[in-house]
PDB file of N, CA and C in Angstrom:
ATOM      1  N   MET A   1       0.824  -1.192   0.000  1.00  0.00           N
ATOM      2  CA  MET A   1       0.000   0.000   0.000  1.00  0.00           C
ATOM      3  C   MET A   1       0.867   1.254   0.000  1.00  0.00           C
ATOM      4  N   ARG A   2       1.983   1.176   0.720  1.00  0.00           N
ATOM      5  CA  ARG A   2       2.850   2.336   0.797  1.00  0.00           C
ATOM      6  C   ARG A   2       3.464   2.655  -0.560  1.00  0.00           C
ATOM      7  N   LYS A   3       3.856   1.620  -1.335  1.00  0.00           N
ATOM      8  CA  LYS A   3       4.407   1.837  -2.669  1.00  0.00           C
ATOM      9  C   LYS A   3       3.390   2.519  -3.560  1.00  0.00           C
ATOM     10  N   PHE A   4       2.132   2.117  -3.440  1.00  0.00           N
ATOM     11  CA  PHE A   4       1.075   2.737  -4.233  1.00  0.00           C
ATOM     12  C   PHE A   4       0.919   4.220  -3.876  1.00  0.00           C
ATOM     13  N   ALA A   5       0.966   4.545  -2.604  1.00  0.00           N
ATOM     14  CA  ALA A   5       0.824   5.935  -2.155  1.00  0.00           C
ATOM     15  C   ALA A   5       1.973   6.789  -2.699  1.00  0.00           C
ATOM     16  N   VAL A   6       3.190   6.271  -2.646  1.00  0.00           N
ATOM     17  CA  VAL A   6       4.350   7.004  -3.171  1.00  0.00           C
ATOM     18  C   VAL A   6       4.196   7.175  -4.678  1.00  0.00           C
ATOM     19  N   TRP A   7       3.836   6.091  -5.359  1.00  0.00           N
ATOM     20  CA  TRP A   7       3.648   6.160  -6.804  1.00  0.00           C
ATOM     21  C   TRP A   7       2.563   7.184  -7.147  1.00  0.00           C
ATOM     22  N   PHE A   8       1.476   7.176  -6.399  1.00  0.00           N
ATOM     23  CA  PHE A   8       0.372   8.105  -6.642  1.00  0.00           C
ATOM     24  C   PHE A   8       0.822   9.556  -6.452  1.00  0.00           C
ATOM     25  N   LEU A   9       1.550   9.834  -5.393  1.00  0.00           N
ATOM     26  CA  LEU A   9       2.027  11.197  -5.135  1.00  0.00           C
ATOM     27  C   LEU A   9       2.999  11.663  -6.215  1.00  0.00           C
ATOM     28  N   VAL A  10       3.903  10.801  -6.597  1.00  0.00           N
ATOM     29  CA  VAL A  10       4.865  11.152  -7.645  1.00  0.00           C
ATOM     30  C   VAL A  10       4.131  11.394  -8.970  1.00  0.00           C
ATOM     31  N   SER A  11       3.184  10.537  -9.289  1.00  0.00           N
ATOM     32  CA  SER A  11       2.414  10.701 -10.530  1.00  0.00           C
ATOM     33  C   SER A  11       1.605  11.990 -10.513  1.00  0.00           C
ATOM     34  N   ALA A  12       0.984  12.299  -9.401  1.00  0.00           N
ATOM     35  CA  ALA A  12       0.190  13.524  -9.291  1.00  0.00           C
ATOM     36  C   ALA A  12       1.086  14.748  -9.438  1.00  0.00           C
ATOM     37  N   TRP A  13       2.236  14.727  -8.786  1.00  0.00           N
ATOM     38  CA  TRP A  13       3.162  15.852  -8.883  1.00  0.00           C
ATOM     39  C   TRP A  13       3.652  16.025 -10.319  1.00  0.00           C
ATOM     40  N   ALA A  14       4.009  14.920 -10.962  1.00  0.00           N
ATOM     41  CA  ALA A  14       4.494  14.980 -12.348  1.00  0.00           C
ATOM     42  C   ALA A  14       3.401  15.507 -13.278  1.00  0.00           C
ATOM     43  N   SER A  15       2.173  15.070 -13.057  1.00  0.00           N
ATOM     44  CA  SER A  15       1.062  15.546 -13.886  1.00  0.00           C
ATOM     45  C   SER A  15       0.870  17.044 -13.732  1.00  0.00           C
ATOM     46  N   LEU A  16       0.902  17.539 -12.511  1.00  0.00           N
ATOM     47  CA  LEU A  16       0.762  18.974 -12.278  1.00  0.00           C
ATOM     48  C   LEU A  16       1.893  19.750 -12.926  1.00  0.00           C
ATOM     49  N   PHE A  17       3.097  19.223 -12.834  1.00  0.00           N
ATOM     50  CA  PHE A  17       4.246  19.869 -13.452  1.00  0.00           C
ATOM     51  C   PHE A  17       4.070  19.945 -14.967  1.00  0.00           C
ATOM     52  N   LEU A  18       3.654  18.845 -15.587  1.00  0.00           N
ATOM     53  CA  LEU A  18       3.464  18.820 -17.036  1.00  0.00           C
ATOM     54  C   LEU A  18       2.329  19.744 -17.476  1.00  0.00           C
ATOM     55  N   ILE A  19       1.238  19.760 -16.730  1.00  0.00           N
ATOM     56  CA  ILE A  19       0.117  20.644 -17.060  1.00  0.00           C
ATOM     57  C   ILE A  19       0.556  22.102 -16.962  1.00  0.00           C
ATOM     58  N   ASP A  20       1.270  22.446 -15.907  1.00  0.00           N
ATOM     59  CA  ASP A  20       1.757  23.814 -15.734  1.00  0.00           C
ATOM     60  C   ASP A  20       2.675  24.210 -16.886  1.00  0.00           C
ATOM     61  N   ALA A  21       3.576  23.325 -17.272  1.00  0.00           N
ATOM     62  CA  ALA A  21       4.502  23.612 -18.367  1.00  0.00           C
ATOM     63  C   ALA A  21       3.747  23.799 -19.678  1.00  0.00           C
ATOM     64  N   ALA A  22       2.760  22.959 -19.926  1.00  0.00           N
ATOM     65  CA  ALA A  22       1.978  23.068 -21.157  1.00  0.00           C
ATOM     66  C   ALA A  22       1.190  24.369 -21.193  1.00  0.00           C
ATOM     67  N   LEU A  23       0.585  24.732 -20.084  1.00  0.00           N
ATOM     68  CA  LEU A  23      -0.199  25.964 -20.036  1.00  0.00           C
ATOM     69  C   LEU A  23       0.675  27.199 -20.185  1.00  0.00           C
ATOM     70  N   SER A  24       1.866  27.182 -19.641  1.00  0.00           N
ATOM     71  CA  SER A  24       2.740  28.345 -19.765  1.00  0.00           C
ATOM     72  C   SER A  24       3.194  28.533 -21.205  1.00  0.00           C
ATOM     73  N   GLU A  25       3.323  27.455 -21.972  1.00  0.00           N
ATOM     74  CA  GLU A  25       3.682  27.579 -23.381  1.00  0.00           C
ATOM     75  C   GLU A  25       2.506  28.070 -24.206  1.00  0.00           C
ATOM     76  N   VAL A  26       1.308  27.648 -23.877  1.00  0.00           N
ATOM     77  CA  VAL A  26       0.133  28.016 -24.645  1.00  0.00           C
ATOM     78  C   VAL A  26      -0.307  29.445 -24.347  1.00  0.00           C
ATOM     79  N   SER A  27      -0.206  29.892 -23.116  1.00  0.00           N
ATOM     80  CA  SER A  27      -0.687  31.205 -22.728  1.00  0.00           C
ATOM     81  C   SER A  27       0.464  32.116 -22.352  1.00  0.00           C
ATOM     82  N   PRO A  28       1.012  32.844 -23.329  1.00  0.00           N
ATOM     83  CA  PRO A  28       2.089  33.763 -22.985  1.00  0.00           C
ATOM     84  C   PRO A  28       1.551  34.873 -22.092  1.00  0.00           C
ATOM     85  N   PRO A  29       2.414  35.502 -21.321  1.00  0.00           N
ATOM     86  CA  PRO A  29       1.931  36.567 -20.453  1.00  0.00           C
ATOM     87  C   PRO A  29       1.306  37.693 -21.264  1.00  0.00           C
ATOM     88  N   LEU A  30       0.217  38.223 -20.750  1.00  0.00           N
ATOM     89  CA  LEU A  30      -0.450  39.320 -21.445  1.00  0.00           C
ATOM     90  C   LEU A  30       0.406  40.567 -21.362  1.00  0.00           C
ATOM     91  N   GLU A  31       0.508  41.261 -22.489  1.00  0.00           N
ATOM     92  CA  GLU A  31       1.284  42.486 -22.503  1.00  0.00           C
ATOM     93  C   GLU A  31       0.347  43.665 -22.317  1.00  0.00           C
ATOM     94  N   ASP A  32       0.853  44.675 -21.715  1.00  0.00           N
ATOM     95  CA  ASP A  32       0.110  45.893 -21.488  1.00  0.00           C
ATOM     96  C   ASP A  32      -0.120  46.597 -22.827  1.00  0.00           C
ATOM     97  N   GLU A  33      -1.369  46.904 -23.139  1.00  0.00           N
ATOM     98  CA  GLU A  33      -1.695  47.536 -24.418  1.00  0.00           C
ATOM     99  C   GLU A  33      -1.004  48.886 -24.569  1.00  0.00           C
ATOM    100  N   ALA A  34      -0.893  49.642 -23.483  1.00  0.00           N
ATOM    101  CA  ALA A  34      -0.206  50.938 -23.535  1.00  0.00           C
ATOM    102  C   ALA A  34       1.273  50.749 -23.871  1.00  0.00           C
ATOM    103  N   GLU A  35       1.875  49.676 -23.336  1.00  0.00           N
ATOM    104  CA  GLU A  35       3.286  49.391 -23.621  1.00  0.00           C
ATOM    105  C   GLU A  35       3.456  49.012 -25.096  1.00  0.00           C
ATOM    106  N   ILE A  36       2.544  48.246 -25.642  1.00  0.00           N
ATOM    107  CA  ILE A  36       2.611  47.867 -27.053  1.00  0.00           C
ATOM    108  C   ILE A  36       2.504  49.117 -27.928  1.00  0.00           C
ATOM    109  N   LYS A  37       1.589  49.996 -27.615  1.00  0.00           N
ATOM    110  CA  LYS A  37       1.444  51.240 -28.387  1.00  0.00           C
ATOM    111  C   LYS A  37       2.704  52.095 -28.301  1.00  0.00           C
ATOM    112  N   ARG A  38       3.322  52.130 -27.123  1.00  0.00           N
ATOM    113  CA  ARG A  38       4.567  52.878 -26.961  1.00  0.00           C
ATOM    114  C   ARG A  38       5.671  52.271 -27.825  1.00  0.00           C
ATOM    115  N   GLN A  39       5.764  50.945 -27.840  1.00  0.00           N
ATOM    116  CA  GLN A  39       6.777  50.277 -28.662  1.00  0.00           C
ATOM    117  C   GLN A  39       6.543  50.562 -30.146  1.00  0.00           C
ATOM    118  N   ILE A  40       5.293  50.538 -30.578  1.00  0.00           N
ATOM    119  CA  ILE A  40       4.984  50.807 -31.984  1.00  0.00           C
ATOM    120  C   ILE A  40       5.365  52.244 -32.336  1.00  0.00           C
ATOM    121  N   ARG A  41       5.035  53.177 -31.470  1.00  0.00           N
ATOM    122  CA  ARG A  41       5.349  54.586 -31.717  1.00  0.00           C
ATOM    123  C   ARG A  41       6.865  54.791 -31.827  1.00  0.00           C
ATOM    124  N   LYS A  42       7.614  54.214 -30.892  1.00  0.00           N
ATOM    125  CA  LYS A  42       9.072  54.336 -30.928  1.00  0.00           C
ATOM    126  C   LYS A  42       9.653  53.569 -32.124  1.00  0.00           C
ATOM    127  N   GLY A  43       9.073  52.411 -32.406  1.00  0.00           N
ATOM    128  CA  GLY A  43       9.546  51.604 -33.524  1.00  0.00           C
ATOM    129  C   GLY A  43       9.352  52.287 -34.864  1.00  0.00           C
ATOM    130  N   LYS A  44       8.283  53.053 -34.975  1.00  0.00           N
ATOM    131  CA  LYS A  44       8.030  53.785 -36.222  1.00  0.00           C
ATOM    132  C   LYS A  44       9.147  54.797 -36.482  1.00  0.00           C
ATOM    133  N   ARG A  45       9.632  55.451 -35.420  1.00  0.00           N
ATOM    134  CA  ARG A  45      10.753  56.403 -35.563  1.00  0.00           C
ATOM    135  C   ARG A  45      12.014  55.677 -36.012  1.00  0.00           C
ATOM    136  N   VAL A  46      12.293  54.531 -35.413  1.00  0.00           N
ATOM    137  CA  VAL A  46      13.477  53.746 -35.795  1.00  0.00           C
ATOM    138  C   VAL A  46      13.340  53.294 -37.246  1.00  0.00           C
ATOM    139  N   PHE A  47      12.146  52.844 -37.625  1.00  0.00           N
ATOM    140  CA  PHE A  47      11.893  52.380 -38.994  1.00  0.00           C
ATOM    141  C   PHE A  47      12.187  53.496 -39.999  1.00  0.00           C
ATOM    142  N   ARG A  48      11.708  54.703 -39.711  1.00  0.00           N
ATOM    143  CA  ARG A  48      11.917  55.827 -40.630  1.00  0.00           C
ATOM    144  C   ARG A  48      13.401  56.145 -40.801  1.00  0.00           C
ATOM    145  N   LEU A  49      14.167  55.988 -39.741  1.00  0.00           N
ATOM    146  CA  LEU A  49      15.596  56.301 -39.807  1.00  0.00           C
ATOM    147  C   LEU A  49      16.425  55.201 -40.461  1.00  0.00           C
ATOM    148  N   HIS A  50      16.068  53.931 -40.212  1.00  0.00           N
ATOM    149  CA  HIS A  50      16.954  52.834 -40.603  1.00  0.00           C
ATOM    150  C   HIS A  50      16.377  51.856 -41.629  1.00  0.00           C
ATOM    151  N   CYS A  51      15.064  51.852 -41.823  1.00  0.00           N
ATOM    152  CA  CYS A  51      14.455  50.794 -42.637  1.00  0.00           C
ATOM    153  C   CYS A  51      13.712  51.324 -43.866  1.00  0.00           C
ATOM    154  N   GLN A  52      13.227  52.536 -43.773  1.00  0.00           N
ATOM    155  CA  GLN A  52      12.354  53.087 -44.810  1.00  0.00           C
ATOM    156  C   GLN A  52      13.038  53.141 -46.173  1.00  0.00           C
ATOM    157  N   LEU A  53      14.328  53.381 -46.196  1.00  0.00           N
ATOM    158  CA  LEU A  53      15.048  53.473 -47.462  1.00  0.00           C
ATOM    159  C   LEU A  53      14.890  52.190 -48.290  1.00  0.00           C
ATOM    160  N   CYS A  54      15.001  51.040 -47.646  1.00  0.00           N
ATOM    161  CA  CYS A  54      14.884  49.763 -48.366  1.00  0.00           C
ATOM    162  C   CYS A  54      13.449  49.247 -48.442  1.00  0.00           C
ATOM    163  N   HIS A  55      12.660  49.479 -47.393  1.00  0.00           N
ATOM    164  CA  HIS A  55      11.334  48.869 -47.320  1.00  0.00           C
ATOM    165  C   HIS A  55      10.196  49.818 -47.681  1.00  0.00           C
ATOM    166  N   GLY A  56      10.500  51.096 -47.902  1.00  0.00           N
ATOM    167  CA  GLY A  56       9.467  52.055 -48.264  1.00  0.00           C
ATOM    168  C   GLY A  56       8.733  52.584 -47.048  1.00  0.00           C
ATOM    169  N   GLU A  57       8.043  53.696 -47.257  1.00  0.00           N
ATOM    170  CA  GLU A  57       7.274  54.297 -46.182  1.00  0.00           C
ATOM    171  C   GLU A  57       6.176  53.333 -45.757  1.00  0.00           C
ATOM    172  N   GLU A  58       6.028  53.143 -44.470  1.00  0.00           N
ATOM    173  CA  GLU A  58       5.028  52.218 -43.912  1.00  0.00           C
ATOM    174  C   GLU A  58       5.234  50.785 -44.407  1.00  0.00           C
ATOM    175  N   GLY A  59       6.429  50.448 -44.888  1.00  0.00           N
ATOM    176  CA  GLY A  59       6.731  49.091 -45.343  1.00  0.00           C
ATOM    177  C   GLY A  59       6.117  48.731 -46.681  1.00  0.00           C
ATOM    178  N   GLU A  60       5.627  49.725 -47.404  1.00  0.00           N
ATOM    179  CA  GLU A  60       4.908  49.480 -48.664  1.00  0.00           C
ATOM    180  C   GLU A  60       5.796  49.693 -49.883  1.00  0.00           C
ATOM    181  N   HIS A  61       6.842  48.905 -49.992  1.00  0.00           N
ATOM    182  CA  HIS A  61       7.727  48.979 -51.160  1.00  0.00           C
ATOM    183  C   HIS A  61       7.032  48.314 -52.348  1.00  0.00           C
ATOM    184  N   PRO A  62       7.143  48.894 -53.565  1.00  0.00           N
ATOM    185  CA  PRO A  62       6.468  48.287 -54.726  1.00  0.00           C
ATOM    186  C   PRO A  62       7.007  46.901 -55.112  1.00  0.00           C
ATOM    187  N   ASP A  63       8.266  46.619 -54.778  1.00  0.00           N
ATOM    188  CA  ASP A  63       8.849  45.303 -55.054  1.00  0.00           C
ATOM    189  C   ASP A  63       8.511  44.380 -53.887  1.00  0.00           C
ATOM    190  N   GLU A  64       7.823  43.281 -54.165  1.00  0.00           N
ATOM    191  CA  GLU A  64       7.367  42.406 -53.078  1.00  0.00           C
ATOM    192  C   GLU A  64       8.509  41.793 -52.268  1.00  0.00           C
ATOM    193  N   LEU A  65       9.727  41.750 -52.805  1.00  0.00           N
ATOM    194  CA  LEU A  65      10.854  41.239 -52.024  1.00  0.00           C
ATOM    195  C   LEU A  65      11.211  42.163 -50.868  1.00  0.00           C
ATOM    196  N   PHE A  66      10.884  43.450 -50.997  1.00  0.00           N
ATOM    197  CA  PHE A  66      11.208  44.423 -49.959  1.00  0.00           C
ATOM    198  C   PHE A  66       9.983  44.889 -49.179  1.00  0.00           C
ATOM    199  N   SER A  67       8.793  44.569 -49.678  1.00  0.00           N
ATOM    200  CA  SER A  67       7.559  45.020 -49.033  1.00  0.00           C
ATOM    201  C   SER A  67       7.310  44.249 -47.745  1.00  0.00           C
ATOM    202  N   LEU A  68       6.895  44.986 -46.728  1.00  0.00           N
ATOM    203  CA  LEU A  68       6.524  44.371 -45.453  1.00  0.00           C
ATOM    204  C   LEU A  68       5.026  44.480 -45.219  1.00  0.00           C
ATOM    205  N   ALA A  69       4.344  45.167 -46.099  1.00  0.00           N
ATOM    206  CA  ALA A  69       2.923  45.433 -45.901  1.00  0.00           C
ATOM    207  C   ALA A  69       2.027  44.563 -46.779  1.00  0.00           C
ATOM    208  N   ASP A  70       2.609  43.620 -47.508  1.00  0.00           N
ATOM    209  CA  ASP A  70       1.795  42.782 -48.392  1.00  0.00           C
ATOM    210  C   ASP A  70       1.345  41.488 -47.733  1.00  0.00           C
ATOM    211  N   ASN A  71       1.762  41.273 -46.482  1.00  0.00           N
ATOM    212  CA  ASN A  71       1.389  40.087 -45.706  1.00  0.00           C
ATOM    213  C   ASN A  71       1.939  38.784 -46.298  1.00  0.00           C
ATOM    214  N   LYS A  72       3.050  38.879 -47.022  1.00  0.00           N
ATOM    215  CA  LYS A  72       3.731  37.688 -47.540  1.00  0.00           C
ATOM    216  C   LYS A  72       5.072  37.596 -46.814  1.00  0.00           C
ATOM    217  N   TRP A  73       5.116  36.735 -45.810  1.00  0.00           N
ATOM    218  CA  TRP A  73       6.293  36.638 -44.955  1.00  0.00           C
ATOM    219  C   TRP A  73       7.070  35.380 -45.301  1.00  0.00           C
ATOM    220  N   ARG A  74       8.272  35.546 -45.793  1.00  0.00           N
ATOM    221  CA  ARG A  74       9.094  34.427 -46.239  1.00  0.00           C
ATOM    222  C   ARG A  74      10.022  33.894 -45.134  1.00  0.00           C
ATOM    223  N   HIS A  75      10.248  34.715 -44.114  1.00  0.00           N
ATOM    224  CA  HIS A  75      11.235  34.343 -43.093  1.00  0.00           C
ATOM    225  C   HIS A  75      10.640  34.380 -41.689  1.00  0.00           C
ATOM    226  N   GLY A  76       9.363  34.036 -41.590  1.00  0.00           N
ATOM    227  CA  GLY A  76       8.690  33.965 -40.300  1.00  0.00           C
ATOM    228  C   GLY A  76       7.842  35.187 -40.026  1.00  0.00           C
ATOM    229  N   ASP A  77       6.664  34.954 -39.462  1.00  0.00           N
ATOM    230  CA  ASP A  77       5.740  36.069 -39.231  1.00  0.00           C
ATOM    231  C   ASP A  77       5.403  36.269 -37.753  1.00  0.00           C
ATOM    232  N   SER A  78       6.184  35.659 -36.869  1.00  0.00           N
ATOM    233  CA  SER A  78       5.959  35.899 -35.442  1.00  0.00           C
ATOM    234  C   SER A  78       6.822  37.091 -35.015  1.00  0.00           C
ATOM    235  N   LEU A  79       6.468  37.670 -33.901  1.00  0.00           N
ATOM    236  CA  LEU A  79       7.257  38.786 -33.370  1.00  0.00           C
ATOM    237  C   LEU A  79       8.698  38.344 -33.131  1.00  0.00           C
ATOM    238  N   GLU A  80       8.883  37.145 -32.627  1.00  0.00           N
ATOM    239  CA  GLU A  80      10.227  36.620 -32.366  1.00  0.00           C
ATOM    240  C   GLU A  80      11.014  36.450 -33.663  1.00  0.00           C
ATOM    241  N   ASP A  81      10.358  35.967 -34.732  1.00  0.00           N
ATOM    242  CA  ASP A  81      11.027  35.815 -36.032  1.00  0.00           C
ATOM    243  C   ASP A  81      11.497  37.173 -36.545  1.00  0.00           C
ATOM    244  N   ILE A  82      10.633  38.166 -36.433  1.00  0.00           N
ATOM    245  CA  ILE A  82      10.973  39.501 -36.929  1.00  0.00           C
ATOM    246  C   ILE A  82      12.142  40.069 -36.130  1.00  0.00           C
ATOM    247  N   GLU A  83      12.110  39.927 -34.803  1.00  0.00           N
ATOM    248  CA  GLU A  83      13.222  40.404 -33.970  1.00  0.00           C
ATOM    249  C   GLU A  83      14.526  39.730 -34.385  1.00  0.00           C
ATOM    250  N   GLN A  84      14.472  38.430 -34.617  1.00  0.00           N
ATOM    251  CA  GLN A  84      15.677  37.702 -35.034  1.00  0.00           C
ATOM    252  C   GLN A  84      16.163  38.196 -36.393  1.00  0.00           C
ATOM    253  N   ASN A  85      15.248  38.406 -37.337  1.00  0.00           N
ATOM    254  CA  ASN A  85      15.630  38.880 -38.668  1.00  0.00           C
ATOM    255  C   ASN A  85      16.243  40.272 -38.605  1.00  0.00           C
ATOM    256  N   VAL A  86      15.688  41.140 -37.788  1.00  0.00           N
ATOM    257  CA  VAL A  86      16.239  42.492 -37.643  1.00  0.00           C
ATOM    258  C   VAL A  86      17.619  42.411 -36.993  1.00  0.00           C
ATOM    259  N   ALA A  87      17.745  41.652 -35.949  1.00  0.00           N
ATOM    260  CA  ALA A  87      19.007  41.571 -35.211  1.00  0.00           C
ATOM    261  C   ALA A  87      20.099  40.886 -36.029  1.00  0.00           C
ATOM    262  N   GLN A  88      19.781  39.738 -36.639  1.00  0.00           N
ATOM    263  CA  GLN A  88      20.806  38.918 -37.284  1.00  0.00           C
ATOM    264  C   GLN A  88      20.863  39.060 -38.794  1.00  0.00           C
ATOM    265  N   GLY A  89      19.880  39.751 -39.383  1.00  0.00           N
ATOM    266  CA  GLY A  89      19.824  39.822 -40.831  1.00  0.00           C
ATOM    267  C   GLY A  89      19.319  38.513 -41.403  1.00  0.00           C
ATOM    268  N   ILE A  90      19.244  38.452 -42.721  1.00  0.00           N
ATOM    269  CA  ILE A  90      18.786  37.232 -43.390  1.00  0.00           C
ATOM    270  C   ILE A  90      19.832  36.856 -44.429  1.00  0.00           C
ATOM    271  N   LEU A  91      20.515  35.769 -44.173  1.00  0.00           N
ATOM    272  CA  LEU A  91      21.588  35.302 -45.041  1.00  0.00           C
ATOM    273  C   LEU A  91      21.086  35.117 -46.470  1.00  0.00           C
ATOM    274  N   GLY A  92      21.855  35.576 -47.436  1.00  0.00           N
ATOM    275  CA  GLY A  92      21.503  35.405 -48.845  1.00  0.00           C
ATOM    276  C   GLY A  92      20.531  36.453 -49.355  1.00  0.00           C
ATOM    277  N   THR A  93      20.245  37.469 -48.533  1.00  0.00           N
ATOM    278  CA  THR A  93      19.354  38.555 -48.953  1.00  0.00           C
ATOM    279  C   THR A  93      20.049  39.885 -48.673  1.00  0.00           C
ATOM    280  N   ALA A  94      19.383  40.950 -49.037  1.00  0.00           N
ATOM    281  CA  ALA A  94      19.917  42.291 -48.778  1.00  0.00           C
ATOM    282  C   ALA A  94      19.689  42.736 -47.336  1.00  0.00           C
ATOM    283  N   MET A  95      18.973  41.924 -46.539  1.00  0.00           N
ATOM    284  CA  MET A  95      18.667  42.290 -45.156  1.00  0.00           C
ATOM    285  C   MET A  95      19.907  42.086 -44.284  1.00  0.00           C
ATOM    286  N   LEU A  96      20.487  43.202 -43.874  1.00  0.00           N
ATOM    287  CA  LEU A  96      21.698  43.172 -43.059  1.00  0.00           C
ATOM    288  C   LEU A  96      21.339  43.081 -41.581  1.00  0.00           C
ATOM    289  N   PRO A  97      22.264  42.589 -40.750  1.00  0.00           N
ATOM    290  CA  PRO A  97      21.997  42.539 -39.313  1.00  0.00           C
ATOM    291  C   PRO A  97      22.097  43.929 -38.682  1.00  0.00           C
ATOM    292  N   PHE A  98      21.233  44.208 -37.748  1.00  0.00           N
ATOM    293  CA  PHE A  98      21.249  45.487 -37.041  1.00  0.00           C
ATOM    294  C   PHE A  98      21.703  45.339 -35.597  1.00  0.00           C
ATOM    295  N   GLN A  99      22.022  44.123 -35.187  1.00  0.00           N
ATOM    296  CA  GLN A  99      22.569  43.920 -33.847  1.00  0.00           C
ATOM    297  C   GLN A  99      23.919  44.622 -33.800  1.00  0.00           C
ATOM    298  N   GLY A 100      24.113  45.473 -32.812  1.00  0.00           N
ATOM    299  CA  GLY A 100      25.339  46.261 -32.736  1.00  0.00           C
ATOM    300  C   GLY A 100      25.176  47.641 -33.361  1.00  0.00           C
ATOM    301  N   ARG A 101      24.245  47.781 -34.282  1.00  0.00           N
ATOM    302  CA  ARG A 101      23.947  49.092 -34.881  1.00  0.00           C
ATOM    303  C   ARG A 101      22.799  49.770 -34.140  1.00  0.00           C
ATOM    304  N   LEU A 102      21.854  48.953 -33.707  1.00  0.00           N
ATOM    305  CA  LEU A 102      20.702  49.444 -32.941  1.00  0.00           C
ATOM    306  C   LEU A 102      20.763  48.840 -31.548  1.00  0.00           C
ATOM    307  N   SER A 103      20.196  49.552 -30.601  1.00  0.00           N
ATOM    308  CA  SER A 103      20.113  48.988 -29.247  1.00  0.00           C
ATOM    309  C   SER A 103      19.113  47.837 -29.252  1.00  0.00           C
ATOM    310  N   GLU A 104      19.192  47.016 -28.224  1.00  0.00           N
ATOM    311  CA  GLU A 104      18.244  45.906 -28.094  1.00  0.00           C
ATOM    312  C   GLU A 104      16.811  46.444 -28.020  1.00  0.00           C
ATOM    313  N   GLU A 105      16.636  47.557 -27.314  1.00  0.00           N
ATOM    314  CA  GLU A 105      15.305  48.162 -27.208  1.00  0.00           C
ATOM    315  C   GLU A 105      14.811  48.653 -28.572  1.00  0.00           C
ATOM    316  N   ASP A 106      15.697  49.277 -29.366  1.00  0.00           N
ATOM    317  CA  ASP A 106      15.297  49.729 -30.697  1.00  0.00           C
ATOM    318  C   ASP A 106      14.915  48.553 -31.597  1.00  0.00           C
ATOM    319  N   ILE A 107      15.647  47.442 -31.479  1.00  0.00           N
ATOM    320  CA  ILE A 107      15.325  46.245 -32.268  1.00  0.00           C
ATOM    321  C   ILE A 107      13.948  45.724 -31.870  1.00  0.00           C
ATOM    322  N   LYS A 108      13.669  45.667 -30.572  1.00  0.00           N
ATOM    323  CA  LYS A 108      12.350  45.210 -30.105  1.00  0.00           C
ATOM    324  C   LYS A 108      11.248  46.160 -30.581  1.00  0.00           C
ATOM    325  N   ASN A 109      11.485  47.455 -30.502  1.00  0.00           N
ATOM    326  CA  ASN A 109      10.471  48.431 -30.896  1.00  0.00           C
ATOM    327  C   ASN A 109      10.200  48.407 -32.393  1.00  0.00           C
ATOM    328  N   VAL A 110      11.240  48.369 -33.203  1.00  0.00           N
ATOM    329  CA  VAL A 110      11.022  48.359 -34.653  1.00  0.00           C
ATOM    330  C   VAL A 110      10.379  47.035 -35.076  1.00  0.00           C
ATOM    331  N   SER A 111      10.722  45.961 -34.387  1.00  0.00           N
ATOM    332  CA  SER A 111      10.099  44.662 -34.682  1.00  0.00           C
ATOM    333  C   SER A 111       8.614  44.701 -34.340  1.00  0.00           C
ATOM    334  N   ARG A 112       8.272  45.311 -33.221  1.00  0.00           N
ATOM    335  CA  ARG A 112       6.866  45.451 -32.833  1.00  0.00           C
ATOM    336  C   ARG A 112       6.122  46.291 -33.877  1.00  0.00           C
ATOM    337  N   TYR A 113       6.768  47.359 -34.377  1.00  0.00           N
ATOM    338  CA  TYR A 113       6.148  48.198 -35.410  1.00  0.00           C
ATOM    339  C   TYR A 113       5.899  47.385 -36.687  1.00  0.00           C
ATOM    340  N   VAL A 114       6.891  46.630 -37.127  1.00  0.00           N
ATOM    341  CA  VAL A 114       6.726  45.802 -38.325  1.00  0.00           C
ATOM    342  C   VAL A 114       5.664  44.734 -38.083  1.00  0.00           C
ATOM    343  N   TYR A 115       5.654  44.148 -36.895  1.00  0.00           N
ATOM    344  CA  TYR A 115       4.643  43.141 -36.556  1.00  0.00           C
ATOM    345  C   TYR A 115       3.241  43.747 -36.608  1.00  0.00           C
ATOM    346  N   SER A 116       3.122  45.028 -36.341  1.00  0.00           N
ATOM    347  CA  SER A 116       1.806  45.683 -36.400  1.00  0.00           C
ATOM    348  C   SER A 116       1.242  45.665 -37.817  1.00  0.00           C
ATOM    349  N   PHE A 117       2.104  45.556 -38.837  1.00  0.00           N
ATOM    350  CA  PHE A 117       1.609  45.425 -40.215  1.00  0.00           C
ATOM    351  C   PHE A 117       0.820  44.133 -40.364  1.00  0.00           C
ATOM    352  N   ILE A 118       1.316  43.053 -39.756  1.00  0.00           N
ATOM    353  CA  ILE A 118       0.640  41.756 -39.807  1.00  0.00           C
ATOM    354  C   ILE A 118      -0.697  41.861 -39.088  1.00  0.00           C
ATOM    355  N   GLU A 119      -0.690  42.478 -37.908  1.00  0.00           N
ATOM    356  CA  GLU A 119      -1.920  42.599 -37.129  1.00  0.00           C
ATOM    357  C   GLU A 119      -2.968  43.420 -37.880  1.00  0.00           C
ATOM    358  N   GLU A 120      -2.545  44.462 -38.589  1.00  0.00           N
ATOM    359  CA  GLU A 120      -3.470  45.272 -39.376  1.00  0.00           C
ATOM    360  C   GLU A 120      -4.110  44.446 -40.481  1.00  0.00           C
ATOM    361  N   LYS A 121      -3.322  43.605 -41.155  1.00  0.00           N
ATOM    362  CA  LYS A 121      -3.855  42.772 -42.237  1.00  0.00           C
ATOM    363  C   LYS A 121      -4.852  41.751 -41.709  1.00  0.00           C
ATOM    364  N   LYS A 122      -4.602  41.226 -40.494  1.00  0.00           N
ATOM    365  CA  LYS A 122      -5.526  40.257 -39.905  1.00  0.00           C
ATOM    366  C   LYS A 122      -6.870  40.888 -39.600  1.00  0.00           C
ATOM    367  N   GLU A 123      -6.842  42.176 -39.238  1.00  0.00           N
ATOM    368  CA  GLU A 123      -8.084  42.869 -38.876  1.00  0.00           C
ATOM    369  C   GLU A 123      -8.908  43.227 -40.109  1.00  0.00           C
ATOM    370  N   GLU A 124      -8.274  43.316 -41.279  1.00  0.00           N
ATOM    371  CA  GLU A 124      -9.001  43.697 -42.501  1.00  0.00           C
ATOM    372  C   GLU A 124      -9.899  42.597 -43.010  1.00  0.00           C
TER     373      GLU A 124
END
């Protein structure tokens, strides 16, 4: 009986651990809407200074290889993918890395601004 009780407790603990881990992956922490708007506002300034030349105003370049507003994402469409692409560049393309050129905060802000293009298309 004692072995069963130990097995039961260990199984229950393991189940709770697995459920908690699964839920934390599925439900990312909610971000403050005011903070997101602040990041977009700051990111738009960074975009105008560093990205607009290649990607066009508001990301609407006429060449689809440079357009960010056409909702055709070849290198990932998550916020994390965009941050990685901005920071590390995209090998074999004209997209250069901005890590070391921009602060980490500027990379996060400009990525949030670019990600807002995707969110706008979803709402349409």
